[in-house]
N, C-alpha and C. Protein backbone atom coordinates (compact mmCIF):
# COMPACT_ATOMS: atom_id res chain seq x y z
N MET A 1 -26.30 2.83 -26.94
CA MET A 1 -26.23 3.98 -25.98
C MET A 1 -25.85 5.08 -26.44
N SER A 2 -26.66 6.34 -26.52
CA SER A 2 -26.28 7.60 -26.87
C SER A 2 -25.24 8.37 -26.27
N GLU A 3 -24.68 9.48 -26.95
CA GLU A 3 -23.61 9.96 -26.71
C GLU A 3 -24.10 10.84 -25.14
N ASP A 4 -25.27 11.23 -25.39
CA ASP A 4 -25.99 12.07 -24.06
C ASP A 4 -25.91 11.18 -22.97
N GLU A 5 -26.28 9.77 -23.34
CA GLU A 5 -26.66 8.92 -22.02
C GLU A 5 -25.26 8.68 -21.26
N ALA A 6 -24.13 8.34 -22.36
CA ALA A 6 -22.70 8.06 -21.88
C ALA A 6 -22.34 9.13 -20.99
N THR A 7 -22.63 10.36 -21.54
CA THR A 7 -22.21 11.73 -20.65
C THR A 7 -22.81 11.62 -19.55
N ASN A 8 -24.24 11.44 -19.25
CA ASN A 8 -24.58 11.22 -18.12
C ASN A 8 -24.24 10.36 -17.21
N ARG A 9 -23.85 9.06 -17.64
CA ARG A 9 -23.20 8.10 -16.73
C ARG A 9 -22.00 8.42 -16.33
N VAL A 10 -21.19 8.97 -17.24
CA VAL A 10 -20.15 9.74 -16.61
C VAL A 10 -19.99 10.67 -15.56
N GLU A 11 -20.99 11.67 -15.84
CA GLU A 11 -21.28 12.74 -14.76
C GLU A 11 -21.92 12.00 -13.32
N LYS A 12 -22.60 10.86 -13.33
CA LYS A 12 -23.20 10.11 -12.11
C LYS A 12 -21.65 9.48 -11.78
N ILE A 13 -20.96 8.88 -12.02
CA ILE A 13 -19.63 8.31 -11.54
C ILE A 13 -18.73 9.56 -10.83
N ARG A 14 -18.60 10.66 -11.74
CA ARG A 14 -18.00 11.73 -11.10
C ARG A 14 -18.74 12.43 -9.71
N GLU A 15 -20.03 12.55 -9.88
CA GLU A 15 -20.71 13.02 -8.79
C GLU A 15 -20.42 11.94 -7.60
N CYS A 16 -20.40 10.80 -7.96
CA CYS A 16 -20.47 9.92 -6.63
C CYS A 16 -19.00 9.87 -6.07
N LEU A 17 -18.17 10.15 -6.80
CA LEU A 17 -16.51 10.48 -6.55
C LEU A 17 -16.68 11.54 -5.83
N ILE A 18 -17.21 12.75 -6.22
CA ILE A 18 -16.99 13.98 -5.40
C ILE A 18 -17.78 13.84 -4.15
N GLU A 19 -19.00 13.11 -4.15
CA GLU A 19 -19.62 12.82 -2.70
C GLU A 19 -18.94 11.77 -2.33
N GLU A 20 -17.86 11.19 -2.59
CA GLU A 20 -17.22 10.15 -1.55
C GLU A 20 -18.16 8.95 -1.47
N ASP A 21 -19.04 8.59 -2.58
CA ASP A 21 -19.98 7.40 -2.21
C ASP A 21 -19.48 6.47 -3.38
N TYR A 22 -18.19 5.84 -2.65
CA TYR A 22 -17.61 4.91 -3.67
C TYR A 22 -18.31 3.76 -4.13
N PHE A 23 -19.23 3.23 -3.16
CA PHE A 23 -20.08 2.02 -3.55
C PHE A 23 -20.99 2.30 -5.03
N GLU A 24 -21.43 3.52 -4.80
CA GLU A 24 -22.23 4.07 -5.81
C GLU A 24 -21.51 4.26 -7.15
N ALA A 25 -20.41 4.63 -7.10
CA ALA A 25 -19.32 5.12 -7.83
C ALA A 25 -18.94 3.64 -8.85
N ARG A 26 -18.62 2.49 -7.90
CA ARG A 26 -18.53 1.24 -8.43
C ARG A 26 -19.51 0.61 -9.22
N LYS A 27 -20.63 0.68 -8.39
CA LYS A 27 -21.74 0.22 -9.24
C LYS A 27 -22.05 1.19 -10.70
N ALA A 28 -22.06 2.38 -10.57
CA ALA A 28 -22.21 3.17 -11.95
C ALA A 28 -20.90 2.70 -13.03
N LEU A 29 -19.93 2.63 -12.30
CA LEU A 29 -18.74 2.22 -13.12
C LEU A 29 -18.80 1.00 -13.81
N ALA A 30 -19.50 0.07 -13.30
CA ALA A 30 -19.24 -1.44 -13.56
C ALA A 30 -20.71 -1.52 -14.60
N LYS A 31 -21.56 -0.91 -14.29
CA LYS A 31 -22.80 -0.82 -15.22
C LYS A 31 -22.39 -0.04 -16.85
N PHE A 32 -21.74 1.08 -16.58
CA PHE A 32 -21.42 1.96 -17.64
C PHE A 32 -20.28 1.08 -18.52
N ILE A 33 -19.34 0.34 -17.79
CA ILE A 33 -18.46 -0.28 -18.81
C ILE A 33 -19.20 -1.80 -19.56
N PHE A 34 -19.93 -2.34 -18.51
CA PHE A 34 -20.66 -3.57 -19.02
C PHE A 34 -21.75 -3.10 -20.43
N GLU A 35 -22.31 -1.80 -20.22
CA GLU A 35 -23.26 -1.35 -21.16
C GLU A 35 -22.46 -0.71 -22.52
N THR A 36 -21.76 0.04 -22.23
CA THR A 36 -20.79 0.95 -23.26
C THR A 36 -19.32 0.17 -23.68
N GLY A 37 -18.93 -0.64 -22.83
CA GLY A 37 -17.59 -1.22 -23.39
C GLY A 37 -16.62 -0.03 -22.86
N LEU A 38 -15.29 -0.50 -22.99
CA LEU A 38 -14.70 0.70 -23.00
C LEU A 38 -13.82 1.26 -24.30
N ASP A 39 -13.54 2.44 -24.21
CA ASP A 39 -13.10 3.03 -25.54
C ASP A 39 -12.30 4.25 -24.91
N HIS A 40 -11.66 4.75 -25.82
CA HIS A 40 -10.56 5.84 -25.72
C HIS A 40 -11.19 7.02 -25.00
N SER A 41 -12.82 7.24 -25.28
CA SER A 41 -13.30 8.61 -24.61
C SER A 41 -13.83 8.28 -23.13
N THR A 42 -13.58 7.00 -22.71
CA THR A 42 -14.14 6.74 -21.26
C THR A 42 -12.65 6.57 -20.33
N LEU A 43 -11.46 6.60 -20.66
CA LEU A 43 -10.39 6.97 -20.17
C LEU A 43 -10.23 7.80 -19.14
N LEU A 44 -10.47 9.18 -19.38
CA LEU A 44 -10.68 9.99 -18.29
C LEU A 44 -11.31 9.94 -17.18
N ILE A 45 -12.50 9.11 -17.08
CA ILE A 45 -13.35 8.91 -15.89
C ILE A 45 -12.38 7.95 -15.14
N LEU A 46 -12.08 6.77 -16.07
CA LEU A 46 -11.24 5.83 -15.40
C LEU A 46 -10.17 6.27 -14.76
N ALA A 47 -9.31 7.65 -15.31
CA ALA A 47 -8.14 8.07 -14.29
C ALA A 47 -8.82 8.54 -13.15
N ASP A 48 -9.96 9.43 -13.40
CA ASP A 48 -10.44 9.94 -11.71
C ASP A 48 -10.49 8.55 -10.79
N CYS A 49 -11.10 7.79 -11.27
CA CYS A 49 -11.55 6.40 -10.68
C CYS A 49 -9.95 5.73 -9.67
N LEU A 50 -8.93 5.88 -10.80
CA LEU A 50 -7.82 5.50 -10.12
C LEU A 50 -7.12 6.21 -9.16
N ARG A 51 -7.60 7.52 -8.75
CA ARG A 51 -7.31 8.54 -7.82
C ARG A 51 -8.20 8.45 -6.63
N SER A 52 -9.20 7.59 -6.74
CA SER A 52 -10.08 7.47 -5.77
C SER A 52 -9.53 6.82 -4.04
N PRO A 53 -9.83 7.37 -3.20
CA PRO A 53 -9.52 6.94 -1.90
C PRO A 53 -9.96 5.46 -1.47
N CYS A 54 -10.86 5.11 -2.58
CA CYS A 54 -11.48 3.46 -2.10
C CYS A 54 -10.84 2.73 -2.92
N PHE A 55 -10.01 1.63 -2.17
CA PHE A 55 -9.27 0.95 -2.73
C PHE A 55 -9.70 -0.17 -3.84
N LEU A 56 -11.02 -0.63 -3.58
CA LEU A 56 -11.86 -1.43 -4.61
C LEU A 56 -11.98 -0.90 -5.95
N LEU A 57 -12.15 0.49 -5.71
CA LEU A 57 -12.76 1.22 -6.94
C LEU A 57 -11.13 1.56 -8.13
N ARG A 58 -10.22 1.73 -6.88
CA ARG A 58 -8.80 1.85 -7.71
C ARG A 58 -8.37 0.60 -8.26
N TYR A 59 -8.67 -0.58 -7.53
CA TYR A 59 -8.12 -1.84 -8.12
C TYR A 59 -8.90 -2.35 -9.31
N GLU A 60 -10.37 -2.11 -9.45
CA GLU A 60 -11.18 -2.55 -10.24
C GLU A 60 -10.60 -1.46 -11.61
N THR A 61 -10.53 -0.39 -11.27
CA THR A 61 -10.30 0.42 -12.33
C THR A 61 -9.06 0.02 -13.12
N LEU A 62 -8.02 -0.26 -12.22
CA LEU A 62 -6.54 -0.59 -12.66
C LEU A 62 -6.84 -2.10 -13.59
N CYS A 63 -7.62 -2.83 -13.01
CA CYS A 63 -7.69 -3.91 -14.09
C CYS A 63 -8.52 -3.80 -15.22
N GLU A 64 -9.51 -2.85 -15.14
CA GLU A 64 -10.05 -2.32 -16.49
C GLU A 64 -9.08 -1.70 -17.24
N LEU A 65 -8.26 -1.01 -16.89
CA LEU A 65 -7.53 -0.14 -17.77
C LEU A 65 -6.18 -1.09 -18.48
N LYS A 66 -6.30 -2.44 -18.24
CA LYS A 66 -5.04 -3.29 -18.59
C LYS A 66 -5.30 -3.36 -20.16
N GLU A 67 -6.47 -3.21 -20.79
CA GLU A 67 -6.73 -3.36 -22.23
C GLU A 67 -6.18 -2.15 -22.78
N PHE A 68 -5.86 -1.06 -22.12
CA PHE A 68 -5.36 0.40 -22.84
C PHE A 68 -4.05 0.85 -22.73
N THR A 69 -3.22 -0.38 -22.23
CA THR A 69 -1.87 -0.07 -21.72
C THR A 69 -0.94 0.61 -22.87
N ASP A 70 -1.71 0.23 -24.09
CA ASP A 70 -0.76 0.93 -25.36
C ASP A 70 -0.77 2.23 -25.27
N ASP A 71 -1.84 2.86 -24.64
CA ASP A 71 -2.00 4.52 -24.87
C ASP A 71 -0.86 4.90 -23.73
N TYR A 72 -0.39 6.18 -23.86
CA TYR A 72 0.87 6.64 -23.21
C TYR A 72 -0.06 7.38 -21.97
N PHE A 73 -1.31 8.06 -22.09
CA PHE A 73 -1.92 8.43 -21.28
C PHE A 73 -2.28 7.39 -20.19
N VAL A 74 -2.75 6.30 -20.48
CA VAL A 74 -3.20 5.38 -19.42
C VAL A 74 -1.85 4.90 -18.65
N ARG A 75 -0.72 4.43 -19.43
CA ARG A 75 0.34 4.29 -18.72
C ARG A 75 1.01 5.21 -17.70
N SER A 76 0.62 6.52 -18.24
CA SER A 76 1.00 7.63 -16.98
C SER A 76 0.10 7.73 -15.89
N ALA A 77 -1.15 7.19 -15.94
CA ALA A 77 -2.02 7.20 -14.85
C ALA A 77 -1.70 5.95 -13.91
N ILE A 78 -1.24 4.80 -14.75
CA ILE A 78 -0.95 3.51 -13.92
C ILE A 78 0.62 3.69 -13.11
N ILE A 79 1.49 4.71 -13.79
CA ILE A 79 2.63 5.23 -13.02
C ILE A 79 2.17 5.99 -11.86
N GLU A 80 1.26 6.68 -11.76
CA GLU A 80 0.96 7.31 -10.42
C GLU A 80 0.60 6.35 -9.39
N ARG A 81 0.42 5.18 -9.71
CA ARG A 81 -0.16 4.05 -8.80
C ARG A 81 0.98 3.33 -8.21
N LEU A 82 2.14 3.35 -8.53
CA LEU A 82 3.31 3.17 -8.13
C LEU A 82 3.45 3.48 -6.66
N ALA A 83 2.82 4.64 -6.39
CA ALA A 83 2.90 5.57 -5.22
C ALA A 83 1.86 5.07 -4.27
N ASP A 84 0.75 4.05 -4.72
CA ASP A 84 -0.38 3.86 -3.86
C ASP A 84 -0.01 3.26 -2.71
N ASP A 85 -1.09 3.66 -1.83
CA ASP A 85 -0.83 3.22 -0.54
C ASP A 85 -1.10 1.81 -0.05
N SER A 86 -1.75 0.98 -1.05
CA SER A 86 -2.00 -0.36 -1.15
C SER A 86 -0.73 -0.93 -1.83
N TRP A 87 -0.10 -1.94 -1.06
CA TRP A 87 0.78 -2.76 -1.92
C TRP A 87 0.33 -3.59 -3.04
N LEU A 88 -0.93 -3.97 -3.00
CA LEU A 88 -1.61 -4.91 -3.90
C LEU A 88 -1.80 -3.97 -5.43
N ILE A 89 -2.02 -2.85 -5.08
CA ILE A 89 -2.04 -1.92 -6.18
C ILE A 89 -0.79 -1.64 -6.73
N ARG A 90 0.03 -1.23 -6.10
CA ARG A 90 1.39 -1.10 -6.64
C ARG A 90 2.26 -2.43 -7.29
N GLN A 91 1.68 -3.74 -6.77
CA GLN A 91 2.30 -4.87 -7.35
C GLN A 91 1.35 -5.03 -8.89
N GLU A 92 0.31 -4.68 -9.00
CA GLU A 92 -0.57 -4.81 -10.03
C GLU A 92 0.09 -3.77 -11.04
N ALA A 93 0.16 -2.53 -10.83
CA ALA A 93 0.91 -1.66 -11.61
C ALA A 93 2.12 -1.95 -11.96
N LEU A 94 2.95 -2.46 -11.41
CA LEU A 94 4.07 -3.14 -11.88
C LEU A 94 3.87 -4.15 -12.91
N THR A 95 3.17 -5.24 -12.58
CA THR A 95 2.86 -6.18 -13.53
C THR A 95 2.47 -5.69 -14.92
N VAL A 96 1.32 -4.38 -15.06
CA VAL A 96 1.05 -3.92 -16.21
C VAL A 96 2.05 -3.35 -16.89
N LEU A 97 2.81 -2.55 -16.13
CA LEU A 97 3.94 -1.59 -16.66
C LEU A 97 5.07 -2.23 -17.34
N GLY A 98 5.52 -3.57 -16.45
CA GLY A 98 6.79 -4.46 -16.69
C GLY A 98 6.68 -4.79 -18.09
N LYS A 99 5.43 -4.88 -19.03
CA LYS A 99 5.42 -5.27 -20.42
C LYS A 99 5.95 -4.26 -21.21
N TYR A 100 6.28 -2.86 -20.50
CA TYR A 100 6.67 -1.91 -21.47
C TYR A 100 8.04 -1.29 -21.16
N ILE A 101 8.82 -2.12 -20.68
CA ILE A 101 9.88 -1.91 -19.96
C ILE A 101 10.90 -1.39 -21.21
N GLU A 102 10.63 -2.14 -22.11
CA GLU A 102 11.70 -1.64 -23.39
C GLU A 102 11.05 -0.55 -24.56
N SER A 103 10.03 -0.32 -24.41
CA SER A 103 9.17 0.51 -25.38
C SER A 103 8.97 1.75 -24.61
N ASP A 104 9.05 1.88 -23.42
CA ASP A 104 8.73 3.14 -23.04
C ASP A 104 10.18 3.45 -21.65
N ASN A 105 10.86 4.39 -21.97
CA ASN A 105 12.00 4.68 -21.21
C ASN A 105 11.74 5.27 -19.87
N ARG A 106 10.57 5.52 -19.43
CA ARG A 106 10.19 5.95 -17.96
C ARG A 106 9.88 4.70 -17.19
N ILE A 107 9.97 3.74 -17.68
CA ILE A 107 9.25 2.25 -16.89
C ILE A 107 10.54 1.58 -16.13
N LEU A 108 11.90 1.59 -16.88
CA LEU A 108 12.92 0.81 -16.19
C LEU A 108 13.56 1.52 -14.63
N PRO A 109 13.68 2.90 -14.72
CA PRO A 109 13.98 3.53 -13.62
C PRO A 109 12.92 3.18 -12.62
N LEU A 110 11.54 3.58 -12.87
CA LEU A 110 10.61 3.36 -11.82
C LEU A 110 10.70 1.85 -11.39
N ILE A 111 10.76 0.81 -12.18
CA ILE A 111 10.66 -0.54 -11.40
C ILE A 111 11.94 -0.61 -10.57
N LEU A 112 13.20 -0.07 -11.00
CA LEU A 112 14.41 -0.22 -10.23
C LEU A 112 13.98 0.53 -8.82
N ASN A 113 13.16 1.73 -8.77
CA ASN A 113 13.02 2.34 -7.63
C ASN A 113 12.10 1.47 -6.80
N ALA A 114 10.95 0.94 -7.51
CA ALA A 114 10.25 -0.18 -6.66
C ALA A 114 10.78 -1.13 -5.92
N LEU A 115 12.27 -1.16 -6.01
CA LEU A 115 12.84 -2.31 -5.21
C LEU A 115 13.01 -1.73 -3.87
N LYS A 116 12.78 -0.62 -3.51
CA LYS A 116 13.06 0.08 -2.31
C LYS A 116 11.59 0.19 -1.63
N ASP A 117 10.64 -0.22 -2.25
CA ASP A 117 9.26 -0.43 -1.57
C ASP A 117 9.38 -1.30 -0.20
N GLU A 118 8.57 -0.94 0.74
CA GLU A 118 8.49 -1.43 1.83
C GLU A 118 7.90 -2.92 1.89
N SER A 119 7.27 -3.21 0.78
CA SER A 119 6.51 -4.49 0.79
C SER A 119 7.53 -5.49 0.46
N PRO A 120 7.65 -6.74 0.32
CA PRO A 120 8.33 -7.74 0.19
C PRO A 120 7.71 -8.26 -1.23
N ILE A 121 6.44 -8.14 -1.23
CA ILE A 121 5.62 -8.49 -2.39
C ILE A 121 5.92 -7.93 -3.42
N VAL A 122 5.88 -6.59 -3.24
CA VAL A 122 6.18 -5.58 -4.57
C VAL A 122 7.61 -5.83 -4.86
N VAL A 123 8.68 -5.74 -3.84
CA VAL A 123 10.13 -6.11 -4.20
C VAL A 123 10.23 -7.18 -5.38
N ASP A 124 9.46 -8.23 -4.75
CA ASP A 124 9.52 -9.47 -5.52
C ASP A 124 9.30 -9.24 -7.10
N LYS A 125 7.88 -8.72 -7.03
CA LYS A 125 7.26 -8.37 -8.32
C LYS A 125 8.50 -7.61 -9.41
N ALA A 126 8.86 -6.69 -8.60
CA ALA A 126 10.11 -5.72 -9.36
C ALA A 126 11.14 -6.54 -10.01
N LEU A 127 11.80 -7.21 -8.71
CA LEU A 127 13.03 -8.30 -9.08
C LEU A 127 12.46 -9.35 -10.43
N ASN A 128 11.48 -9.74 -10.32
CA ASN A 128 10.80 -10.77 -11.27
C ASN A 128 11.01 -10.10 -12.78
N ILE A 129 10.37 -8.80 -12.79
CA ILE A 129 10.28 -8.07 -14.15
C ILE A 129 11.86 -7.65 -14.56
N LEU A 130 12.57 -7.42 -13.58
CA LEU A 130 13.98 -6.76 -13.68
C LEU A 130 15.10 -7.94 -14.19
N ASP A 131 14.39 -9.32 -14.00
CA ASP A 131 15.22 -10.22 -14.01
C ASP A 131 16.16 -10.51 -15.34
N PRO A 132 15.53 -10.50 -16.41
CA PRO A 132 16.19 -10.47 -17.60
C PRO A 132 17.01 -9.04 -18.21
N TYR A 133 16.81 -7.95 -17.41
CA TYR A 133 17.27 -6.57 -17.57
C TYR A 133 18.63 -6.72 -16.47
N ILE A 134 18.87 -7.64 -15.72
CA ILE A 134 20.06 -7.26 -14.46
C ILE A 134 21.23 -7.35 -15.26
N ASN A 135 22.12 -6.47 -15.07
CA ASN A 135 23.35 -6.41 -15.74
C ASN A 135 24.44 -5.61 -15.06
N LYS A 136 25.73 -5.58 -15.30
CA LYS A 136 26.66 -4.96 -14.52
C LYS A 136 26.35 -3.28 -14.15
N ASP A 137 25.51 -2.75 -15.05
CA ASP A 137 25.28 -1.50 -14.91
C ASP A 137 24.14 -1.16 -13.49
N ASN A 138 23.34 -2.02 -13.59
CA ASN A 138 22.52 -1.84 -12.51
C ASN A 138 22.41 -2.58 -11.27
N LYS A 139 23.43 -3.60 -11.25
CA LYS A 139 23.55 -4.58 -10.00
C LYS A 139 23.89 -3.76 -8.82
N ASN A 140 24.72 -2.88 -8.89
CA ASN A 140 24.83 -2.04 -7.46
C ASN A 140 23.55 -1.50 -7.13
N ILE A 141 22.91 -1.07 -8.00
CA ILE A 141 21.48 -0.44 -7.75
C ILE A 141 20.85 -1.13 -6.99
N ILE A 142 20.60 -2.33 -7.50
CA ILE A 142 19.71 -3.49 -7.02
C ILE A 142 20.35 -3.87 -5.78
N LYS A 143 21.54 -4.16 -5.44
CA LYS A 143 22.17 -4.42 -4.24
C LYS A 143 21.92 -3.15 -3.25
N SER A 144 21.96 -2.10 -3.57
CA SER A 144 21.82 -1.17 -2.37
C SER A 144 20.25 -1.08 -2.29
N SER A 145 19.36 -1.17 -3.05
CA SER A 145 18.08 -0.89 -2.80
C SER A 145 17.51 -2.13 -1.94
N LEU A 146 18.14 -3.33 -2.16
CA LEU A 146 17.58 -4.24 -1.22
C LEU A 146 18.22 -4.71 0.16
N LYS A 147 19.55 -3.63 0.41
CA LYS A 147 20.04 -4.01 1.52
C LYS A 147 19.22 -3.60 2.72
N GLY A 148 19.05 -4.98 3.57
CA GLY A 148 18.56 -4.80 4.89
C GLY A 148 16.89 -5.00 4.78
N LYS A 149 16.19 -5.36 3.45
CA LYS A 149 15.00 -5.74 3.42
C LYS A 149 14.59 -7.04 3.55
N HIS A 150 13.41 -7.45 4.02
CA HIS A 150 12.97 -8.58 4.11
C HIS A 150 12.68 -9.26 2.68
N LEU A 151 13.28 -10.09 2.54
CA LEU A 151 13.18 -11.02 0.87
C LEU A 151 12.33 -11.94 0.90
N LEU A 152 11.61 -11.96 0.12
CA LEU A 152 10.90 -13.51 -0.09
C LEU A 152 11.80 -14.56 -0.84
N LEU A 153 11.59 -15.88 -0.63
CA LEU A 153 12.71 -16.91 -1.21
C LEU A 153 12.67 -16.59 -2.75
N ASN A 154 11.61 -16.43 -3.54
CA ASN A 154 11.75 -16.45 -4.96
C ASN A 154 12.70 -15.16 -5.35
N THR A 155 12.67 -14.05 -4.62
CA THR A 155 13.68 -13.00 -4.63
C THR A 155 15.36 -13.24 -4.45
N ILE A 156 15.41 -14.17 -3.36
CA ILE A 156 16.62 -14.73 -3.37
C ILE A 156 17.18 -15.48 -4.43
N ASP A 157 16.25 -16.28 -5.12
CA ASP A 157 16.36 -17.01 -5.99
C ASP A 157 17.03 -16.17 -7.08
N ILE A 158 16.52 -15.47 -7.50
CA ILE A 158 16.64 -14.54 -8.46
C ILE A 158 18.09 -13.91 -8.29
N LEU A 159 18.25 -13.36 -7.23
CA LEU A 159 19.60 -12.71 -6.82
C LEU A 159 20.56 -13.47 -6.83
N LEU A 160 20.62 -14.91 -6.31
CA LEU A 160 21.47 -16.04 -6.48
C LEU A 160 21.93 -16.15 -8.25
N LYS A 161 21.16 -15.77 -8.90
CA LYS A 161 21.69 -16.07 -10.73
C LYS A 161 22.57 -14.57 -11.06
N HIS A 162 22.26 -13.54 -10.34
CA HIS A 162 23.39 -12.40 -10.71
C HIS A 162 24.29 -11.87 -9.78
N LEU A 163 24.13 -12.18 -8.48
CA LEU A 163 24.85 -11.65 -7.50
C LEU A 163 26.11 -12.57 -7.13
N SER A 164 27.17 -12.26 -6.66
CA SER A 164 28.24 -13.14 -6.06
C SER A 164 27.91 -13.74 -5.05
N LEU A 165 28.40 -14.57 -4.06
CA LEU A 165 28.03 -14.86 -2.74
C LEU A 165 28.12 -13.85 -1.72
N GLU A 166 29.44 -13.00 -1.99
CA GLU A 166 29.69 -11.85 -0.99
C GLU A 166 28.79 -10.73 -1.20
N ASP A 167 28.38 -10.73 -2.54
CA ASP A 167 27.27 -9.36 -2.59
C ASP A 167 26.14 -9.66 -2.15
N LEU A 168 25.58 -11.03 -2.31
CA LEU A 168 24.55 -11.49 -1.80
C LEU A 168 24.48 -11.40 -0.10
N GLU A 169 25.42 -11.90 0.60
CA GLU A 169 25.61 -11.66 2.02
C GLU A 169 25.58 -10.22 2.64
N GLU A 170 26.11 -9.21 1.55
CA GLU A 170 25.85 -7.86 1.95
C GLU A 170 23.93 -7.58 2.00
N VAL A 171 23.47 -8.08 1.19
CA VAL A 171 21.90 -7.92 1.17
C VAL A 171 21.08 -8.61 2.26
N VAL A 172 21.20 -9.98 2.04
CA VAL A 172 20.48 -10.83 2.98
C VAL A 172 20.96 -10.90 3.98
N THR A 173 19.98 -10.47 5.23
CA THR A 173 20.32 -11.07 6.77
C THR A 173 19.22 -11.66 7.35
N PRO A 174 19.49 -12.67 8.32
CA PRO A 174 20.80 -13.08 8.79
C PRO A 174 21.49 -13.73 7.82
N LYS A 175 22.88 -13.61 7.88
CA LYS A 175 23.63 -14.36 7.14
C LYS A 175 23.43 -16.03 7.27
N PHE A 176 23.37 -16.51 8.24
CA PHE A 176 23.01 -17.99 8.58
C PHE A 176 21.76 -18.49 7.96
N PHE A 177 20.93 -17.62 7.77
CA PHE A 177 19.62 -18.08 6.91
C PHE A 177 20.25 -18.34 5.37
N LEU A 178 21.02 -17.44 4.79
CA LEU A 178 21.23 -17.20 3.66
C LEU A 178 22.13 -18.50 3.49
N LYS A 179 23.20 -18.97 4.38
CA LYS A 179 23.97 -19.99 4.06
C LYS A 179 23.14 -21.30 3.96
N ASN A 180 22.40 -21.46 4.84
CA ASN A 180 21.59 -22.72 5.12
C ASN A 180 20.60 -22.91 3.88
N TYR A 181 20.12 -21.48 3.38
CA TYR A 181 19.15 -21.82 2.26
C TYR A 181 20.21 -22.35 1.05
N ILE A 182 20.92 -21.46 0.92
CA ILE A 182 22.06 -22.09 -0.57
C ILE A 182 22.59 -23.35 -0.41
N ARG A 183 22.74 -23.98 1.01
CA ARG A 183 23.09 -25.32 1.12
C ARG A 183 22.09 -26.10 0.56
N GLU A 184 20.63 -26.03 1.10
CA GLU A 184 19.77 -26.82 0.65
C GLU A 184 18.96 -26.89 -0.74
N ARG A 185 19.55 -25.60 -1.44
CA ARG A 185 19.20 -25.44 -2.92
C ARG A 185 20.40 -26.07 -3.63
N ARG A 186 21.16 -26.44 -3.31
CA ARG A 186 22.49 -27.45 -4.18
C ARG A 186 22.38 -28.66 -3.84
């Protein structure tokens, strides 16, 4: 595909986004990626697609961008998705960003902040990513972020490894559930 054809395809996708024709934007994006493949010159249009109000377009774009997460610009675009309306997009963004917790100093605070998310699934994903990094310095942040939240059993299992029973009782409600759960796990 020539450079002119590629430019025309990108413009077609942008027009669809402007006209809020997200179905056509998805078709044009899929065709563009299939025929040209992804490279660094296509990242800008993908970043535009990440900001679309269309869930499917955002999700498909996020999945395509996984190949380029070594790029600082791409990680920045994915970081924006941590504030997405969809818990599935937020969870997927955490999955992608979790791989860079050690190499990008922006990531750890963002994942800690994701513990405050209203979705138990996003909270569980954040805690799974944080599991190897939980230490005395961030235990209180984790504890206060999770207080009063609905937690998945997997989340409670991770917390059992790092928090004392007293600390866990402050986080998990109702307490009778926690005591029964711990009794069953032993």
